[in-house]
Amino acid sequence: MKKYFPLTIIFILLIACIEKNEFESKLKIENDSLRNKIKELETQIQMTDSLKSIYQVTIANTAVRDLSSKFNNQKYQIKISYPKSYFKNKEKNYPVLYVIDAETNFGAISYIVQRLIKDKLIPEILVVGIAYDTDYKNFYRLRSRDLTPVEDRDLRMGNNEIDPTGGAPKFSDFLEFELFPFVEKEYRIKKEDRGIYGHSYGGLYGSYALLEKPHLFNKYLLLGPSLWYKDKLLVNQASEKNLILNRHVKLYMASGELDLRINEYQEEFVEILKGKNISKLSIESEVVKNETHRTIFGVGFTNGLRFIYGK
């Protein structure tokens, strides 16, 4: 037995060394991963600071306000784009267009609206953008939460993380009971003339609002609507829904020819609504040649404004 004792000690020490090396290896991997994440955060902070100090620009005839919601405990950044006559003609009230995703699209939207107003293709309108004033990654998580009608815990969009979903009812309460009263108090608008613009998840939310809360808006401009969400939930609901409108409503939908699943479900959704023969609902739907989910914005937004604000 004694002659095996040293071998036993050596074996135990060898095992201990192996385990120590494995532990140190795992610790190194974790440390490297943390260092990389810290470097990414430092880079993002530097980019943000440099953009604020060097490339910050102001869009003419615009303002920014903050508004917090008690319904989802979210602080929103509200961006306002005035028509040029707003401060000259103080007796005039304006239709208002509420814009989802103003985090990314407010500048382009303001410009297109101004061009169409100048050419007298649409009336003067007040644009109200809804943003979060946050970084790009968090913006996508928050819009996923606010713009989806029901929760989907299995949904993963482009990464392994599960984004929050199902917050559309609370977002609707924020609009109806907080944002709308705020805008009506602070700005000269036509309370009865509210439009909404949304793209992708924004188009999904607009479709939800039309079906479930039609009193919120009378004009809908929805591009590339994500009607695939939750196994075509809203397409199926459109078939079952007895949609009752108490005023005339205009709905414009557009998607790109190259955005196959999106445009197929859009056309299905529109055909269902048209088949109901709702007298107070006017619909125009386009699938635009050679356009994608992203490039549909320019032509779709322009055509959509001309339809929803046309005679």
Protein backbone atom coordinates (compact mmCIF):
# COMPACT_ATOMS: atom_id res chain seq x y z
CA MET A 1 0.00 0.00 0.00
CA LYS A 2 2.87 2.33 0.94
CA LYS A 3 4.47 2.11 -2.48
CA TYR A 4 1.26 3.45 -4.11
CA PHE A 5 0.91 6.36 -1.68
CA PRO A 6 3.23 8.79 -3.55
CA LEU A 7 1.47 7.98 -6.82
CA THR A 8 -1.88 8.80 -5.20
CA ILE A 9 -0.55 12.16 -4.01
CA ILE A 10 0.81 12.93 -7.45
CA PHE A 11 -2.53 12.00 -9.06
CA ILE A 12 -4.47 14.24 -6.67
CA LEU A 13 -2.10 17.13 -7.28
CA LEU A 14 -2.37 16.57 -11.05
CA ILE A 15 -6.18 16.67 -10.88
CA ALA A 16 -6.02 19.83 -8.76
CA CYS A 17 -3.73 21.49 -11.31
CA ILE A 18 -6.04 20.57 -14.18
CA GLU A 19 -9.07 21.95 -12.35
CA LYS A 20 -7.14 25.11 -11.49
CA ASN A 21 -6.13 25.57 -15.12
CA GLU A 22 -9.73 25.05 -16.30
CA PHE A 23 -10.98 27.58 -13.73
CA GLU A 24 -8.33 30.11 -14.74
CA SER A 25 -9.18 29.55 -18.40
CA LYS A 26 -12.90 30.16 -17.80
CA LEU A 27 -12.08 33.21 -15.69
CA LYS A 28 -9.89 34.60 -18.47
CA ILE A 29 -12.66 34.13 -21.05
CA GLU A 30 -15.14 35.92 -18.79
CA ASN A 31 -12.68 38.73 -18.12
CA ASP A 32 -11.97 39.14 -21.84
CA SER A 33 -15.70 39.26 -22.53
CA LEU A 34 -16.21 41.94 -19.87
CA ARG A 35 -13.28 43.96 -21.23
CA ASN A 36 -14.79 43.85 -24.72
CA LYS A 37 -18.17 44.99 -23.42
CA ILE A 38 -16.54 47.84 -21.50
CA LYS A 39 -14.67 48.89 -24.66
CA GLU A 40 -17.94 48.83 -26.64
CA LEU A 41 -19.65 51.01 -24.01
CA GLU A 42 -16.72 53.43 -23.93
CA THR A 43 -16.82 53.67 -27.74
CA GLN A 44 -20.59 54.34 -27.68
CA ILE A 45 -20.15 57.04 -25.04
CA GLN A 46 -17.38 58.69 -27.05
CA MET A 47 -19.47 58.60 -30.22
CA THR A 48 -22.49 60.04 -28.41
CA ASP A 49 -20.45 62.84 -26.85
CA SER A 50 -18.78 63.69 -30.15
CA LEU A 51 -22.10 63.75 -31.99
CA LYS A 52 -23.58 66.04 -29.37
CA SER A 53 -20.69 68.46 -29.47
CA ILE A 54 -19.83 68.44 -33.17
CA TYR A 55 -22.70 67.23 -35.35
CA GLN A 56 -25.76 68.40 -33.45
CA VAL A 57 -28.19 70.24 -35.71
CA THR A 58 -31.53 71.90 -35.18
CA ILE A 59 -34.45 71.46 -37.57
CA ALA A 60 -36.23 74.71 -38.34
CA ASN A 61 -39.74 75.24 -36.92
CA THR A 62 -39.45 72.40 -34.41
CA ALA A 63 -39.49 71.97 -30.64
CA VAL A 64 -38.87 69.15 -28.17
CA ARG A 65 -40.88 68.43 -25.01
CA ASP A 66 -40.75 65.66 -22.40
CA LEU A 67 -43.79 63.76 -21.19
CA SER A 68 -43.89 60.86 -18.72
CA SER A 69 -46.58 58.20 -18.67
CA LYS A 70 -48.10 56.68 -15.56
CA PHE A 71 -49.35 53.73 -17.62
CA ASN A 72 -45.94 52.22 -18.45
CA ASN A 73 -43.59 54.42 -16.40
CA GLN A 74 -41.90 55.60 -19.57
CA LYS A 75 -40.50 59.07 -20.20
CA TYR A 76 -41.15 60.04 -23.81
CA GLN A 77 -39.50 62.73 -25.87
CA ILE A 78 -42.15 64.53 -27.90
CA LYS A 79 -40.96 66.27 -31.06
CA ILE A 80 -43.10 69.00 -32.62
CA SER A 81 -42.85 70.24 -36.20
CA TYR A 82 -44.85 73.41 -36.84
CA PRO A 83 -46.34 74.52 -40.14
CA LYS A 84 -44.74 77.80 -41.19
CA SER A 85 -47.89 79.84 -40.63
CA TYR A 86 -48.34 78.59 -37.06
CA PHE A 87 -46.91 81.68 -35.31
CA LYS A 88 -48.27 84.16 -37.85
CA ASN A 89 -51.89 83.06 -38.01
CA LYS A 90 -52.80 82.64 -34.37
CA GLU A 91 -56.47 82.05 -35.06
CA LYS A 92 -55.90 78.92 -37.14
CA ASN A 93 -56.14 75.34 -35.87
CA TYR A 94 -54.33 72.49 -37.63
CA PRO A 95 -54.80 68.76 -38.25
CA VAL A 96 -52.23 66.76 -36.31
CA LEU A 97 -50.20 63.77 -37.48
CA TYR A 98 -48.78 61.56 -34.74
CA VAL A 99 -45.55 59.91 -35.82
CA ILE A 100 -44.22 56.68 -34.31
CA ASP A 101 -40.44 56.07 -34.31
CA ALA A 102 -39.55 59.77 -34.28
CA GLU A 103 -36.25 58.60 -32.79
CA THR A 104 -35.07 57.87 -36.34
CA ASN A 105 -37.42 59.46 -38.88
CA PHE A 106 -38.44 62.88 -37.60
CA GLY A 107 -36.11 64.92 -39.82
CA ALA A 108 -37.10 63.19 -43.05
CA ILE A 109 -40.79 63.33 -42.17
CA SER A 110 -40.65 67.05 -41.37
CA TYR A 111 -38.98 67.75 -44.71
CA ILE A 112 -41.44 65.73 -46.81
CA VAL A 113 -44.39 67.32 -45.03
CA GLN A 114 -43.01 70.82 -45.70
CA ARG A 115 -42.46 70.03 -49.40
CA LEU A 116 -46.00 68.76 -49.88
CA ILE A 117 -47.46 71.74 -48.02
CA LYS A 118 -45.46 74.15 -50.15
CA ASP A 119 -46.77 72.54 -53.34
CA LYS A 120 -50.31 72.64 -51.87
CA LEU A 121 -50.65 68.87 -52.15
CA ILE A 122 -51.66 68.56 -48.50
CA PRO A 123 -53.00 71.11 -46.01
CA GLU A 124 -50.81 72.60 -43.31
CA ILE A 125 -50.50 70.10 -40.45
CA LEU A 126 -48.80 69.89 -37.07
CA VAL A 127 -46.50 66.87 -36.73
CA VAL A 128 -46.05 65.27 -33.31
CA GLY A 129 -43.24 62.72 -33.11
CA ILE A 130 -43.00 60.14 -30.31
CA ALA A 131 -39.44 59.21 -29.30
CA TYR A 132 -37.55 57.84 -26.28
CA ASP A 133 -34.26 59.82 -26.36
CA THR A 134 -32.17 56.70 -25.85
CA ASP A 135 -29.51 54.61 -27.58
CA TYR A 136 -30.22 52.55 -30.70
CA LYS A 137 -30.44 49.17 -28.97
CA ASN A 138 -32.77 50.33 -26.22
CA PHE A 139 -34.92 52.16 -28.76
CA TYR A 140 -35.69 48.87 -30.52
CA ARG A 141 -36.54 47.16 -27.24
CA LEU A 142 -38.90 49.94 -26.20
CA ARG A 143 -40.68 50.10 -29.55
CA SER A 144 -41.08 46.31 -29.42
CA ARG A 145 -42.76 46.72 -26.05
CA ASP A 146 -45.04 49.61 -27.04
CA LEU A 147 -46.12 48.63 -30.54
CA THR A 148 -47.02 44.93 -30.24
CA PRO A 149 -50.61 44.05 -29.33
CA VAL A 150 -50.01 40.95 -27.19
CA GLU A 151 -47.04 39.36 -25.49
CA ASP A 152 -44.85 36.86 -27.35
CA ARG A 153 -42.18 35.44 -25.03
CA ASP A 154 -40.64 33.31 -27.76
CA LEU A 155 -40.02 36.12 -30.23
CA ARG A 156 -36.38 36.88 -31.02
CA MET A 157 -35.47 39.56 -33.53
CA GLY A 158 -31.89 39.33 -34.82
CA ASN A 159 -30.30 38.29 -31.51
CA ASN A 160 -30.65 35.81 -28.68
CA GLU A 161 -32.38 38.25 -26.34
CA ILE A 162 -36.13 38.26 -25.91
CA ASP A 163 -37.48 41.77 -26.41
CA PRO A 164 -40.44 42.92 -24.29
CA THR A 165 -43.76 42.72 -26.12
CA GLY A 166 -47.48 43.24 -25.61
CA GLY A 167 -47.51 46.87 -24.47
CA ALA A 168 -49.84 48.32 -27.11
CA PRO A 169 -52.83 48.65 -24.73
CA LYS A 170 -50.77 50.72 -22.26
CA PHE A 171 -49.22 52.73 -25.09
CA SER A 172 -52.75 53.45 -26.35
CA ASP A 173 -53.71 54.70 -22.89
CA PHE A 174 -50.66 56.97 -22.93
CA LEU A 175 -51.80 58.40 -26.26
CA GLU A 176 -55.46 58.84 -25.35
CA PHE A 177 -55.22 60.04 -21.77
CA GLU A 178 -51.85 61.78 -21.63
CA LEU A 179 -50.36 62.76 -25.00
CA PHE A 180 -53.57 63.85 -26.76
CA PRO A 181 -54.69 66.10 -23.85
CA PHE A 182 -51.17 67.54 -23.60
CA VAL A 183 -51.07 68.39 -27.32
CA GLU A 184 -54.62 69.78 -27.27
CA LYS A 185 -53.74 72.04 -24.34
CA GLU A 186 -50.39 73.27 -25.63
CA TYR A 187 -51.01 73.60 -29.39
CA ARG A 188 -53.71 74.85 -31.71
CA ILE A 189 -55.02 71.72 -33.36
CA LYS A 190 -58.24 70.27 -34.71
CA LYS A 191 -59.17 67.71 -32.07
CA GLU A 192 -61.34 65.78 -34.48
CA ASP A 193 -58.59 65.40 -37.11
CA ARG A 194 -55.90 63.02 -35.81
CA GLY A 195 -53.69 60.95 -38.09
CA ILE A 196 -51.07 58.33 -37.31
CA TYR A 197 -47.99 57.29 -39.24
CA GLY A 198 -46.17 54.03 -38.50
CA HIS A 199 -43.69 51.77 -40.29
CA SER A 200 -43.05 48.05 -39.62
CA TYR A 201 -44.00 47.57 -35.93
CA GLY A 202 -45.52 51.05 -36.23
CA GLY A 203 -47.71 49.73 -39.04
CA LEU A 204 -48.64 46.81 -36.81
CA TYR A 205 -49.66 49.21 -34.03
CA GLY A 206 -51.69 51.35 -36.43
CA SER A 207 -53.55 48.23 -37.60
CA TYR A 208 -54.22 47.31 -33.97
CA ALA A 209 -55.52 50.82 -33.23
CA LEU A 210 -57.87 50.67 -36.22
CA LEU A 211 -59.36 47.36 -35.09
CA GLU A 212 -59.41 47.85 -31.33
CA LYS A 213 -59.46 51.62 -30.74
CA PRO A 214 -60.87 53.25 -33.88
CA HIS A 215 -61.88 56.36 -31.92
CA LEU A 216 -58.22 57.38 -31.55
CA PHE A 217 -57.54 58.30 -35.19
CA ASN A 218 -59.40 59.09 -38.38
CA LYS A 219 -56.35 58.85 -40.67
CA TYR A 220 -53.88 55.96 -40.91
CA LEU A 221 -50.65 55.93 -42.94
CA LEU A 222 -49.08 52.51 -42.41
CA LEU A 223 -46.00 51.23 -44.24
CA GLY A 224 -44.58 47.71 -44.27
CA PRO A 225 -46.94 46.64 -41.47
CA SER A 226 -45.61 43.67 -39.46
CA LEU A 227 -48.87 41.75 -39.73
CA TRP A 228 -46.94 38.46 -39.46
CA TYR A 229 -46.75 39.09 -35.73
CA LYS A 230 -48.04 36.26 -33.51
CA ASP A 231 -49.13 34.03 -36.42
CA LYS A 232 -51.02 36.80 -38.26
CA LEU A 233 -52.99 37.72 -35.16
CA LEU A 234 -54.42 40.98 -36.53
CA VAL A 235 -55.21 39.53 -39.95
CA ASN A 236 -57.27 36.84 -38.23
CA GLN A 237 -58.90 39.39 -35.94
CA ALA A 238 -59.84 41.53 -38.95
CA SER A 239 -61.89 38.60 -40.27
CA GLU A 240 -63.76 38.24 -37.00
CA LYS A 241 -64.11 41.92 -36.10
CA ASN A 242 -67.31 43.86 -36.55
CA LEU A 243 -65.63 47.21 -37.13
CA ILE A 244 -67.93 50.11 -36.27
CA LEU A 245 -66.81 53.63 -37.21
CA ASN A 246 -68.56 56.77 -35.99
CA ARG A 247 -66.80 59.05 -38.52
CA HIS A 248 -65.15 58.81 -41.90
CA VAL A 249 -61.75 57.09 -41.76
CA LYS A 250 -58.97 56.93 -44.34
CA LEU A 251 -56.47 54.06 -44.40
CA TYR A 252 -53.37 54.01 -46.60
CA MET A 253 -51.08 50.97 -46.61
CA ALA A 254 -47.97 50.36 -48.68
CA SER A 255 -45.13 47.87 -48.76
CA GLY A 256 -42.32 46.99 -51.13
CA GLU A 257 -42.57 44.42 -53.89
CA LEU A 258 -39.35 42.88 -52.53
CA ASP A 259 -40.77 42.57 -49.00
CA LEU A 260 -42.66 39.36 -49.74
CA ARG A 261 -44.20 38.22 -46.47
CA ILE A 262 -45.09 41.79 -45.49
CA ASN A 263 -46.90 42.68 -48.71
CA GLU A 264 -48.77 39.37 -48.83
CA TYR A 265 -50.25 39.88 -45.36
CA GLN A 266 -50.94 43.54 -46.09
CA GLU A 267 -52.99 42.61 -49.14
CA GLU A 268 -54.82 39.92 -47.19
CA PHE A 269 -55.64 42.39 -44.40
CA VAL A 270 -56.87 45.01 -46.88
CA GLU A 271 -59.01 42.54 -48.82
CA ILE A 272 -60.70 41.44 -45.60
CA LEU A 273 -61.55 45.03 -44.69
CA LYS A 274 -62.77 45.84 -48.20
CA GLY A 275 -64.95 42.72 -48.14
CA LYS A 276 -66.81 44.08 -45.13
CA ASN A 277 -68.08 47.05 -47.19
CA ILE A 278 -67.67 49.55 -44.35
CA SER A 279 -69.26 52.73 -45.69
CA LYS A 280 -67.17 55.12 -43.59
CA LEU A 281 -63.81 53.50 -44.45
CA SER A 282 -61.78 54.56 -47.50
CA ILE A 283 -58.77 52.37 -48.29
CA GLU A 284 -55.83 52.66 -50.63
CA SER A 285 -53.20 49.92 -50.71
CA GLU A 286 -50.01 49.74 -52.76
CA VAL A 287 -47.26 47.20 -53.34
CA VAL A 288 -44.53 49.35 -54.86
CA LYS A 289 -42.26 47.88 -57.52
CA ASN A 290 -38.55 47.42 -56.69
CA GLU A 291 -38.93 48.70 -53.11
CA THR A 292 -37.86 46.87 -49.93
CA HIS A 293 -39.00 46.99 -46.31
CA ARG A 294 -36.75 50.01 -45.72
CA THR A 295 -36.90 51.86 -49.04
CA ILE A 296 -40.71 51.95 -49.05
CA PHE A 297 -40.50 54.97 -46.73
CA GLY A 298 -39.93 57.77 -49.27
CA VAL A 299 -42.56 56.92 -51.88
CA GLY A 300 -44.95 55.33 -49.38
CA PHE A 301 -44.95 58.25 -46.97
CA THR A 302 -45.37 60.78 -49.79
CA ASN A 303 -48.21 58.89 -51.48
CA GLY A 304 -49.82 58.15 -48.14
CA LEU A 305 -49.93 61.81 -47.09
CA ARG A 306 -51.52 62.76 -50.38
CA PHE A 307 -54.20 60.12 -49.92
CA ILE A 308 -55.13 60.64 -46.28
CA TYR A 309 -55.18 64.45 -46.64
CA GLY A 310 -56.61 64.53 -50.14
CA LYS A 311 -60.14 65.61 -50.98
